[in-house]
Amino acid sequence: MGVIFDLDNTLINSSIAYQLRKKRLWEEVYKVIPNFLLYDDILEILNFLNNKNIELVIVTSSPRSYCKKVIEYFNIPVNNLICYHDTINHKPNSEPIIKAIEKYLNSEKMIFSFGDDIKDIEASKHEKIHSVACLWGSTNQEILKNSNADFICKTPQDMFSLLKKYVEFL
């Protein structure tokens, strides 16, 4: 089993930096990272998966320098990253998902992909991996609910329950 996570608004609430990120004002974004919030239960979920030797990858449309700063600040226990400059095409194109699978995951195993945006779902669906819509950080829950994701999680605790269910079968 392998798990792919989007970073922003899936693992962390970075909404206060949205406009700065959109304008690519990265030095300003870095200054507000301490004001981001790690969603409830995320560290517990990631530690659970790590303890079960599940391969984890963060696939983000943000630059690696930003991603690393966020991971370090919140002590997020994920080492495998596919970031903006790692691919030519970005979500909703499936190239970042393909690269994550090729580089870090066994494509023959069950793979789940968690994200807060329709782009995450579309990229995952294209590669026929289990797409999971994460409503807690989504800015457009109705579109996400209608995205034909394989699973919908309203809270990180729902995500934890879903993962535990499938980890039991390993």
N, C-alpha and C. Protein backbone atom coordinates (compact mmCIF):
# COMPACT_ATOMS: atom_id res chain seq x y z
N MET A 1 0.85 -1.19 0.00
CA MET A 1 0.00 0.00 0.00
C MET A 1 0.88 1.24 0.00
N GLY A 2 0.43 2.27 -0.68
CA GLY A 2 1.12 3.55 -0.70
C GLY A 2 0.10 4.67 -0.57
N VAL A 3 0.56 5.81 -0.05
CA VAL A 3 -0.35 6.93 0.16
C VAL A 3 0.30 8.21 -0.35
N ILE A 4 -0.48 8.95 -1.13
CA ILE A 4 -0.07 10.25 -1.65
C ILE A 4 -0.93 11.30 -0.96
N PHE A 5 -0.29 12.36 -0.48
CA PHE A 5 -1.00 13.47 0.13
C PHE A 5 -0.68 14.76 -0.61
N ASP A 6 -1.70 15.56 -0.85
CA ASP A 6 -1.47 16.95 -1.19
C ASP A 6 -1.04 17.62 0.11
N LEU A 7 -0.35 18.73 0.03
CA LEU A 7 0.14 19.39 1.25
C LEU A 7 -0.83 20.46 1.75
N ASP A 8 -1.00 21.50 0.95
CA ASP A 8 -1.78 22.66 1.39
C ASP A 8 -3.27 22.35 1.45
N ASN A 9 -3.83 22.63 2.60
CA ASN A 9 -5.26 22.46 2.89
C ASN A 9 -5.70 21.00 2.87
N THR A 10 -4.72 20.10 2.91
CA THR A 10 -4.99 18.68 3.14
C THR A 10 -4.29 18.27 4.44
N LEU A 11 -3.00 18.53 4.53
CA LEU A 11 -2.26 18.26 5.78
C LEU A 11 -2.20 19.49 6.67
N ILE A 12 -2.05 20.66 6.04
CA ILE A 12 -1.94 21.90 6.79
C ILE A 12 -2.92 22.94 6.26
N ASN A 13 -3.36 23.81 7.14
CA ASN A 13 -4.19 24.93 6.73
C ASN A 13 -3.27 26.10 6.45
N SER A 14 -3.05 26.34 5.18
CA SER A 14 -2.16 27.43 4.74
C SER A 14 -2.95 28.54 4.05
N SER A 15 -4.25 28.57 4.31
CA SER A 15 -5.13 29.50 3.59
C SER A 15 -4.74 30.96 3.78
N ILE A 16 -4.13 31.30 4.91
CA ILE A 16 -3.74 32.70 5.12
C ILE A 16 -2.67 33.16 4.13
N ALA A 17 -1.98 32.22 3.52
CA ALA A 17 -0.93 32.56 2.56
C ALA A 17 -1.39 32.40 1.11
N TYR A 18 -2.66 32.14 0.90
CA TYR A 18 -3.15 31.85 -0.46
C TYR A 18 -2.77 32.94 -1.46
N GLN A 19 -3.09 34.18 -1.15
CA GLN A 19 -2.80 35.27 -2.09
C GLN A 19 -1.30 35.44 -2.31
N LEU A 20 -0.52 35.29 -1.26
CA LEU A 20 0.93 35.40 -1.40
C LEU A 20 1.48 34.27 -2.26
N ARG A 21 0.96 33.07 -2.07
CA ARG A 21 1.40 31.92 -2.87
C ARG A 21 1.00 32.11 -4.33
N LYS A 22 -0.20 32.58 -4.54
CA LYS A 22 -0.71 32.81 -5.90
C LYS A 22 0.18 33.82 -6.64
N LYS A 23 0.65 34.84 -5.92
CA LYS A 23 1.52 35.87 -6.51
C LYS A 23 2.99 35.44 -6.52
N ARG A 24 3.26 34.26 -5.96
CA ARG A 24 4.62 33.71 -5.89
C ARG A 24 5.57 34.59 -5.07
N LEU A 25 5.04 35.16 -4.02
CA LEU A 25 5.84 35.97 -3.10
C LEU A 25 6.37 35.06 -2.00
N TRP A 26 7.29 34.19 -2.36
CA TRP A 26 7.70 33.11 -1.48
C TRP A 26 8.38 33.59 -0.20
N GLU A 27 9.17 34.64 -0.27
CA GLU A 27 9.81 35.13 0.95
C GLU A 27 8.76 35.60 1.97
N GLU A 28 7.67 36.20 1.47
CA GLU A 28 6.58 36.61 2.35
C GLU A 28 5.82 35.39 2.89
N VAL A 29 5.65 34.38 2.03
CA VAL A 29 4.98 33.15 2.46
C VAL A 29 5.77 32.50 3.59
N TYR A 30 7.09 32.43 3.43
CA TYR A 30 7.92 31.78 4.46
C TYR A 30 7.73 32.44 5.82
N LYS A 31 7.52 33.75 5.82
CA LYS A 31 7.35 34.48 7.09
C LYS A 31 6.06 34.10 7.82
N VAL A 32 5.05 33.66 7.07
CA VAL A 32 3.77 33.35 7.72
C VAL A 32 3.58 31.86 8.00
N ILE A 33 4.55 31.03 7.64
CA ILE A 33 4.44 29.59 7.93
C ILE A 33 4.13 29.33 9.41
N PRO A 34 4.73 30.07 10.37
CA PRO A 34 4.38 29.83 11.76
C PRO A 34 2.89 30.08 12.08
N ASN A 35 2.20 30.76 11.20
CA ASN A 35 0.77 31.01 11.41
C ASN A 35 -0.12 29.95 10.74
N PHE A 36 0.49 29.03 10.02
CA PHE A 36 -0.28 27.92 9.44
C PHE A 36 -0.71 27.00 10.58
N LEU A 37 -1.67 26.15 10.30
CA LEU A 37 -2.13 25.19 11.29
C LEU A 37 -2.05 23.78 10.72
N LEU A 38 -1.51 22.87 11.50
CA LEU A 38 -1.54 21.46 11.14
C LEU A 38 -2.91 20.95 11.55
N TYR A 39 -3.60 20.31 10.62
CA TYR A 39 -4.95 19.82 10.94
C TYR A 39 -4.88 18.75 12.03
N ASP A 40 -5.94 18.69 12.81
CA ASP A 40 -6.05 17.71 13.90
C ASP A 40 -5.81 16.30 13.37
N ASP A 41 -5.12 15.52 14.15
CA ASP A 41 -4.88 14.09 13.91
C ASP A 41 -3.89 13.78 12.78
N ILE A 42 -3.39 14.77 12.07
CA ILE A 42 -2.52 14.49 10.92
C ILE A 42 -1.24 13.80 11.36
N LEU A 43 -0.57 14.29 12.39
CA LEU A 43 0.67 13.63 12.83
C LEU A 43 0.40 12.22 13.30
N GLU A 44 -0.70 12.01 13.99
CA GLU A 44 -1.05 10.66 14.45
C GLU A 44 -1.26 9.73 13.25
N ILE A 45 -1.93 10.22 12.22
CA ILE A 45 -2.17 9.42 11.01
C ILE A 45 -0.85 9.08 10.33
N LEU A 46 0.00 10.08 10.14
CA LEU A 46 1.28 9.85 9.46
C LEU A 46 2.18 8.92 10.26
N ASN A 47 2.21 9.08 11.57
CA ASN A 47 3.01 8.18 12.41
C ASN A 47 2.47 6.75 12.34
N PHE A 48 1.15 6.60 12.35
CA PHE A 48 0.53 5.28 12.20
C PHE A 48 0.98 4.62 10.90
N LEU A 49 0.89 5.36 9.81
CA LEU A 49 1.28 4.81 8.50
C LEU A 49 2.77 4.48 8.46
N ASN A 50 3.60 5.35 9.01
CA ASN A 50 5.04 5.07 9.06
C ASN A 50 5.33 3.83 9.88
N ASN A 51 4.64 3.66 11.01
CA ASN A 51 4.84 2.48 11.85
C ASN A 51 4.41 1.20 11.16
N LYS A 52 3.51 1.31 10.19
CA LYS A 52 3.06 0.15 9.41
C LYS A 52 3.87 -0.01 8.13
N ASN A 53 4.94 0.78 8.00
CA ASN A 53 5.83 0.74 6.83
C ASN A 53 5.11 1.02 5.52
N ILE A 54 4.13 1.92 5.57
CA ILE A 54 3.42 2.35 4.37
C ILE A 54 4.23 3.47 3.73
N GLU A 55 4.48 3.37 2.44
CA GLU A 55 5.21 4.42 1.73
C GLU A 55 4.33 5.65 1.59
N LEU A 56 4.88 6.82 1.93
CA LEU A 56 4.15 8.08 1.88
C LEU A 56 4.86 9.06 0.96
N VAL A 57 4.07 9.82 0.21
CA VAL A 57 4.60 10.84 -0.69
C VAL A 57 3.72 12.07 -0.60
N ILE A 58 4.34 13.23 -0.53
CA ILE A 58 3.61 14.48 -0.68
C ILE A 58 3.78 14.92 -2.12
N VAL A 59 2.66 15.16 -2.79
CA VAL A 59 2.67 15.68 -4.16
C VAL A 59 2.00 17.05 -4.09
N THR A 60 2.79 18.09 -4.37
CA THR A 60 2.30 19.45 -4.25
C THR A 60 2.66 20.27 -5.48
N SER A 61 1.85 21.26 -5.74
CA SER A 61 2.13 22.19 -6.84
C SER A 61 2.95 23.38 -6.36
N SER A 62 3.48 23.28 -5.17
CA SER A 62 4.32 24.33 -4.60
C SER A 62 5.80 23.96 -4.78
N PRO A 63 6.68 24.96 -4.72
CA PRO A 63 8.12 24.68 -4.84
C PRO A 63 8.64 23.84 -3.68
N ARG A 64 9.70 23.11 -3.94
CA ARG A 64 10.32 22.24 -2.94
C ARG A 64 10.79 23.04 -1.72
N SER A 65 11.35 24.21 -1.93
CA SER A 65 11.84 25.00 -0.79
C SER A 65 10.71 25.32 0.18
N TYR A 66 9.56 25.67 -0.34
CA TYR A 66 8.38 25.94 0.50
C TYR A 66 7.95 24.66 1.21
N CYS A 67 7.82 23.60 0.45
CA CYS A 67 7.37 22.33 1.01
C CYS A 67 8.29 21.88 2.15
N LYS A 68 9.59 21.96 1.94
CA LYS A 68 10.54 21.55 2.97
C LYS A 68 10.43 22.41 4.22
N LYS A 69 10.23 23.71 4.03
CA LYS A 69 10.10 24.61 5.19
C LYS A 69 8.85 24.26 6.01
N VAL A 70 7.75 23.96 5.33
CA VAL A 70 6.52 23.58 6.04
C VAL A 70 6.71 22.25 6.76
N ILE A 71 7.29 21.28 6.08
CA ILE A 71 7.52 19.96 6.67
C ILE A 71 8.42 20.07 7.90
N GLU A 72 9.48 20.84 7.79
CA GLU A 72 10.39 21.01 8.92
C GLU A 72 9.71 21.74 10.07
N TYR A 73 8.97 22.79 9.77
CA TYR A 73 8.33 23.58 10.83
C TYR A 73 7.36 22.71 11.64
N PHE A 74 6.58 21.88 10.96
CA PHE A 74 5.56 21.07 11.64
C PHE A 74 6.03 19.65 11.96
N ASN A 75 7.29 19.34 11.66
CA ASN A 75 7.84 18.00 11.89
C ASN A 75 6.96 16.92 11.25
N ILE A 76 6.58 17.16 10.01
CA ILE A 76 5.75 16.21 9.28
C ILE A 76 6.65 15.05 8.85
N PRO A 77 6.33 13.83 9.27
CA PRO A 77 7.20 12.68 9.00
C PRO A 77 7.00 12.05 7.61
N VAL A 78 7.26 12.86 6.59
CA VAL A 78 7.21 12.39 5.20
C VAL A 78 8.46 12.90 4.51
N ASN A 79 9.23 11.99 3.94
CA ASN A 79 10.48 12.37 3.28
C ASN A 79 10.37 12.43 1.75
N ASN A 80 9.40 11.73 1.20
CA ASN A 80 9.27 11.64 -0.25
C ASN A 80 8.41 12.78 -0.77
N LEU A 81 8.98 13.57 -1.68
CA LEU A 81 8.30 14.75 -2.19
C LEU A 81 8.33 14.81 -3.71
N ILE A 82 7.21 15.18 -4.29
CA ILE A 82 7.15 15.57 -5.69
C ILE A 82 6.58 16.99 -5.67
N CYS A 83 7.41 17.95 -6.07
CA CYS A 83 7.04 19.36 -5.98
C CYS A 83 6.98 19.99 -7.37
N TYR A 84 6.66 21.24 -7.40
CA TYR A 84 6.38 21.96 -8.64
C TYR A 84 7.45 21.75 -9.71
N HIS A 85 8.69 21.91 -9.37
CA HIS A 85 9.76 21.85 -10.37
C HIS A 85 10.19 20.42 -10.73
N ASP A 86 9.56 19.43 -10.12
CA ASP A 86 9.91 18.04 -10.42
C ASP A 86 9.22 17.51 -11.68
N THR A 87 8.23 18.23 -12.16
CA THR A 87 7.52 17.80 -13.37
C THR A 87 7.28 19.00 -14.28
N ILE A 88 7.08 18.71 -15.54
CA ILE A 88 6.75 19.77 -16.50
C ILE A 88 5.29 20.15 -16.36
N ASN A 89 4.44 19.13 -16.25
CA ASN A 89 3.01 19.35 -16.11
C ASN A 89 2.61 19.20 -14.65
N HIS A 90 1.55 19.89 -14.26
CA HIS A 90 1.10 19.88 -12.87
C HIS A 90 -0.36 19.48 -12.79
N LYS A 91 -0.79 19.13 -11.57
CA LYS A 91 -2.18 18.73 -11.38
C LYS A 91 -3.10 19.80 -11.95
N PRO A 92 -4.12 19.43 -12.70
CA PRO A 92 -4.80 18.14 -12.80
C PRO A 92 -4.14 17.13 -13.75
N ASN A 93 -3.09 17.52 -14.45
CA ASN A 93 -2.35 16.54 -15.24
C ASN A 93 -1.81 15.49 -14.27
N SER A 94 -1.73 14.26 -14.71
CA SER A 94 -1.32 13.19 -13.79
C SER A 94 0.20 12.99 -13.70
N GLU A 95 0.98 13.80 -14.40
CA GLU A 95 2.43 13.62 -14.37
C GLU A 95 3.01 13.60 -12.95
N PRO A 96 2.60 14.48 -12.03
CA PRO A 96 3.16 14.39 -10.66
C PRO A 96 2.79 13.08 -9.96
N ILE A 97 1.59 12.58 -10.21
CA ILE A 97 1.17 11.31 -9.61
C ILE A 97 2.00 10.16 -10.20
N ILE A 98 2.18 10.18 -11.51
CA ILE A 98 2.99 9.15 -12.18
C ILE A 98 4.40 9.15 -11.60
N LYS A 99 4.98 10.33 -11.46
CA LYS A 99 6.35 10.43 -10.94
C LYS A 99 6.43 9.91 -9.50
N ALA A 100 5.42 10.23 -8.68
CA ALA A 100 5.40 9.74 -7.29
C ALA A 100 5.36 8.22 -7.27
N ILE A 101 4.53 7.64 -8.12
CA ILE A 101 4.42 6.18 -8.17
C ILE A 101 5.72 5.56 -8.66
N GLU A 102 6.27 6.09 -9.74
CA GLU A 102 7.51 5.53 -10.30
C GLU A 102 8.69 5.65 -9.34
N LYS A 103 8.77 6.77 -8.65
CA LYS A 103 9.94 7.04 -7.81
C LYS A 103 9.84 6.43 -6.41
N TYR A 104 8.62 6.39 -5.85
CA TYR A 104 8.51 6.03 -4.44
C TYR A 104 7.56 4.89 -4.12
N LEU A 105 6.64 4.57 -5.02
CA LEU A 105 5.59 3.61 -4.68
C LEU A 105 5.62 2.42 -5.62
N ASN A 106 5.10 1.32 -5.18
CA ASN A 106 4.98 0.13 -6.01
C ASN A 106 3.62 0.19 -6.69
N SER A 107 3.63 0.32 -8.01
CA SER A 107 2.37 0.50 -8.75
C SER A 107 1.46 -0.72 -8.68
N GLU A 108 1.99 -1.83 -8.25
CA GLU A 108 1.17 -3.03 -8.15
C GLU A 108 0.40 -3.09 -6.83
N LYS A 109 0.73 -2.21 -5.92
CA LYS A 109 0.04 -2.17 -4.63
C LYS A 109 -1.12 -1.18 -4.69
N MET A 110 -1.98 -1.26 -3.70
CA MET A 110 -3.08 -0.32 -3.55
C MET A 110 -2.51 1.05 -3.20
N ILE A 111 -2.95 2.07 -3.92
CA ILE A 111 -2.47 3.44 -3.67
C ILE A 111 -3.68 4.35 -3.46
N PHE A 112 -3.59 5.14 -2.40
CA PHE A 112 -4.60 6.15 -2.10
C PHE A 112 -3.98 7.53 -2.31
N SER A 113 -4.78 8.45 -2.81
CA SER A 113 -4.33 9.82 -3.01
C SER A 113 -5.35 10.77 -2.37
N PHE A 114 -4.89 11.59 -1.43
CA PHE A 114 -5.75 12.49 -0.66
C PHE A 114 -5.50 13.93 -1.08
N GLY A 115 -6.60 14.65 -1.38
CA GLY A 115 -6.46 16.05 -1.75
C GLY A 115 -7.71 16.85 -1.51
N ASP A 116 -7.54 18.16 -1.45
CA ASP A 116 -8.63 19.08 -1.13
C ASP A 116 -9.20 19.78 -2.36
N ASP A 117 -8.69 19.44 -3.55
CA ASP A 117 -9.07 20.18 -4.75
C ASP A 117 -9.44 19.21 -5.87
N ILE A 118 -10.29 19.65 -6.75
CA ILE A 118 -10.70 18.84 -7.89
C ILE A 118 -9.48 18.41 -8.72
N LYS A 119 -8.44 19.24 -8.76
CA LYS A 119 -7.22 18.89 -9.50
C LYS A 119 -6.57 17.62 -8.95
N ASP A 120 -6.62 17.47 -7.62
CA ASP A 120 -6.05 16.27 -6.99
C ASP A 120 -6.83 15.03 -7.41
N ILE A 121 -8.15 15.16 -7.42
CA ILE A 121 -9.01 14.02 -7.76
C ILE A 121 -8.82 13.65 -9.23
N GLU A 122 -8.81 14.63 -10.12
CA GLU A 122 -8.66 14.37 -11.55
C GLU A 122 -7.33 13.69 -11.85
N ALA A 123 -6.25 14.18 -11.26
CA ALA A 123 -4.93 13.57 -11.49
C ALA A 123 -4.90 12.13 -11.00
N SER A 124 -5.51 11.87 -9.86
CA SER A 124 -5.53 10.51 -9.29
C SER A 124 -6.41 9.58 -10.12
N LYS A 125 -7.57 10.07 -10.51
CA LYS A 125 -8.50 9.24 -11.29
C LYS A 125 -7.88 8.84 -12.62
N HIS A 126 -7.13 9.74 -13.22
CA HIS A 126 -6.49 9.45 -14.50
C HIS A 126 -5.54 8.26 -14.38
N GLU A 127 -4.91 8.11 -13.24
CA GLU A 127 -3.96 7.02 -13.01
C GLU A 127 -4.62 5.81 -12.35
N LYS A 128 -5.93 5.87 -12.18
CA LYS A 128 -6.71 4.75 -11.63
C LYS A 128 -6.24 4.31 -10.25
N ILE A 129 -5.87 5.31 -9.44
CA ILE A 129 -5.58 5.02 -8.04
C ILE A 129 -6.76 5.54 -7.22
N HIS A 130 -6.86 5.13 -5.97
CA HIS A 130 -7.99 5.50 -5.13
C HIS A 130 -7.92 6.98 -4.78
N SER A 131 -8.85 7.75 -5.30
CA SER A 131 -8.89 9.19 -5.03
C SER A 131 -9.77 9.46 -3.82
N VAL A 132 -9.29 10.35 -2.96
CA VAL A 132 -10.03 10.69 -1.74
C VAL A 132 -10.16 12.20 -1.65
N ALA A 133 -11.39 12.67 -1.64
CA ALA A 133 -11.69 14.09 -1.50
C ALA A 133 -11.67 14.46 -0.02
N CYS A 134 -10.84 15.41 0.34
CA CYS A 134 -10.70 15.86 1.72
C CYS A 134 -11.43 17.19 1.87
N LEU A 135 -12.59 17.16 2.49
CA LEU A 135 -13.44 18.34 2.54
C LEU A 135 -12.98 19.40 3.55
N TRP A 136 -12.23 19.00 4.58
CA TRP A 136 -11.93 19.92 5.68
C TRP A 136 -11.13 21.14 5.25
N GLY A 137 -10.35 21.07 4.21
CA GLY A 137 -9.56 22.23 3.79
C GLY A 137 -9.98 22.80 2.46
N SER A 138 -11.00 22.22 1.88
CA SER A 138 -11.42 22.60 0.53
C SER A 138 -12.07 23.97 0.51
N THR A 139 -11.75 24.74 -0.52
CA THR A 139 -12.39 26.04 -0.70
C THR A 139 -13.66 25.90 -1.54
N ASN A 140 -13.87 24.73 -2.14
CA ASN A 140 -15.09 24.52 -2.90
C ASN A 140 -15.58 23.09 -2.67
N GLN A 141 -16.24 22.89 -1.55
CA GLN A 141 -16.68 21.56 -1.15
C GLN A 141 -17.69 20.96 -2.12
N GLU A 142 -18.57 21.77 -2.70
CA GLU A 142 -19.60 21.22 -3.60
C GLU A 142 -18.96 20.61 -4.85
N ILE A 143 -18.00 21.30 -5.44
CA ILE A 143 -17.31 20.75 -6.61
C ILE A 143 -16.58 19.47 -6.21
N LEU A 144 -15.95 19.48 -5.05
CA LEU A 144 -15.21 18.31 -4.58
C LEU A 144 -16.15 17.13 -4.32
N LYS A 145 -17.30 17.41 -3.73
CA LYS A 145 -18.28 16.35 -3.47
C LYS A 145 -18.79 15.72 -4.77
N ASN A 146 -18.83 16.52 -5.83
CA ASN A 146 -19.32 16.03 -7.12
C ASN A 146 -18.21 15.60 -8.06
N SER A 147 -17.02 15.38 -7.54
CA SER A 147 -15.85 15.08 -8.36
C SER A 147 -15.72 13.62 -8.74
N ASN A 148 -16.63 12.79 -8.26
CA ASN A 148 -16.55 11.34 -8.48
C ASN A 148 -15.33 10.72 -7.83
N ALA A 149 -14.88 11.33 -6.74
CA ALA A 149 -13.80 10.72 -5.96
C ALA A 149 -14.26 9.35 -5.47
N ASP A 150 -13.32 8.45 -5.30
CA ASP A 150 -13.66 7.12 -4.80
C ASP A 150 -14.16 7.16 -3.36
N PHE A 151 -13.62 8.10 -2.59
CA PHE A 151 -14.01 8.26 -1.19
C PHE A 151 -14.09 9.75 -0.88
N ILE A 152 -14.95 10.09 0.07
CA ILE A 152 -15.03 11.46 0.56
C ILE A 152 -14.84 11.42 2.07
N CYS A 153 -13.92 12.24 2.56
CA CYS A 153 -13.68 12.34 4.00
C CYS A 153 -14.00 13.76 4.44
N LYS A 154 -14.85 13.87 5.44
CA LYS A 154 -15.25 15.18 5.96
C LYS A 154 -14.23 15.74 6.94
N THR A 155 -13.51 14.84 7.62
CA THR A 155 -12.54 15.25 8.65
C THR A 155 -11.30 14.38 8.53
N PRO A 156 -10.18 14.84 9.10
CA PRO A 156 -9.01 13.97 9.14
C PRO A 156 -9.30 12.65 9.86
N GLN A 157 -10.19 12.67 10.85
CA GLN A 157 -10.53 11.43 11.54
C GLN A 157 -11.19 10.43 10.59
N ASP A 158 -12.00 10.93 9.64
CA ASP A 158 -12.57 10.05 8.61
C ASP A 158 -11.46 9.44 7.76
N MET A 159 -10.45 10.25 7.45
CA MET A 159 -9.30 9.76 6.68
C MET A 159 -8.60 8.66 7.46
N PHE A 160 -8.42 8.86 8.75
CA PHE A 160 -7.75 7.88 9.60
C PHE A 160 -8.54 6.57 9.61
N SER A 161 -9.84 6.67 9.75
CA SER A 161 -10.70 5.46 9.75
C SER A 161 -10.59 4.71 8.43
N LEU A 162 -10.60 5.44 7.33
CA LEU A 162 -10.47 4.82 6.01
C LEU A 162 -9.13 4.10 5.88
N LEU A 163 -8.07 4.76 6.26
CA LEU A 163 -6.74 4.15 6.15
C LEU A 163 -6.61 2.92 7.05
N LYS A 164 -7.09 3.02 8.28
CA LYS A 164 -7.02 1.87 9.19
C LYS A 164 -7.75 0.67 8.60
N LYS A 165 -8.88 0.91 7.98
CA LYS A 165 -9.66 -0.17 7.37
C LYS A 165 -8.85 -0.93 6.32
N TYR A 166 -8.11 -0.20 5.50
CA TYR A 166 -7.35 -0.84 4.44
C TYR A 166 -6.00 -1.38 4.92
N VAL A 167 -5.41 -0.78 5.91
CA VAL A 167 -4.14 -1.26 6.46
C VAL A 167 -4.35 -2.64 7.11
N GLU A 168 -5.53 -2.86 7.66
CA GLU A 168 -5.82 -4.16 8.29
C GLU A 168 -5.68 -5.32 7.32
N PHE A 169 -5.87 -5.07 6.03
CA PHE A 169 -5.83 -6.14 5.03
C PHE A 169 -4.42 -6.44 4.54
N LEU A 170 -3.44 -5.69 5.03
CA LEU A 170 -2.06 -5.91 4.57
C LEU A 170 -1.44 -7.15 5.19
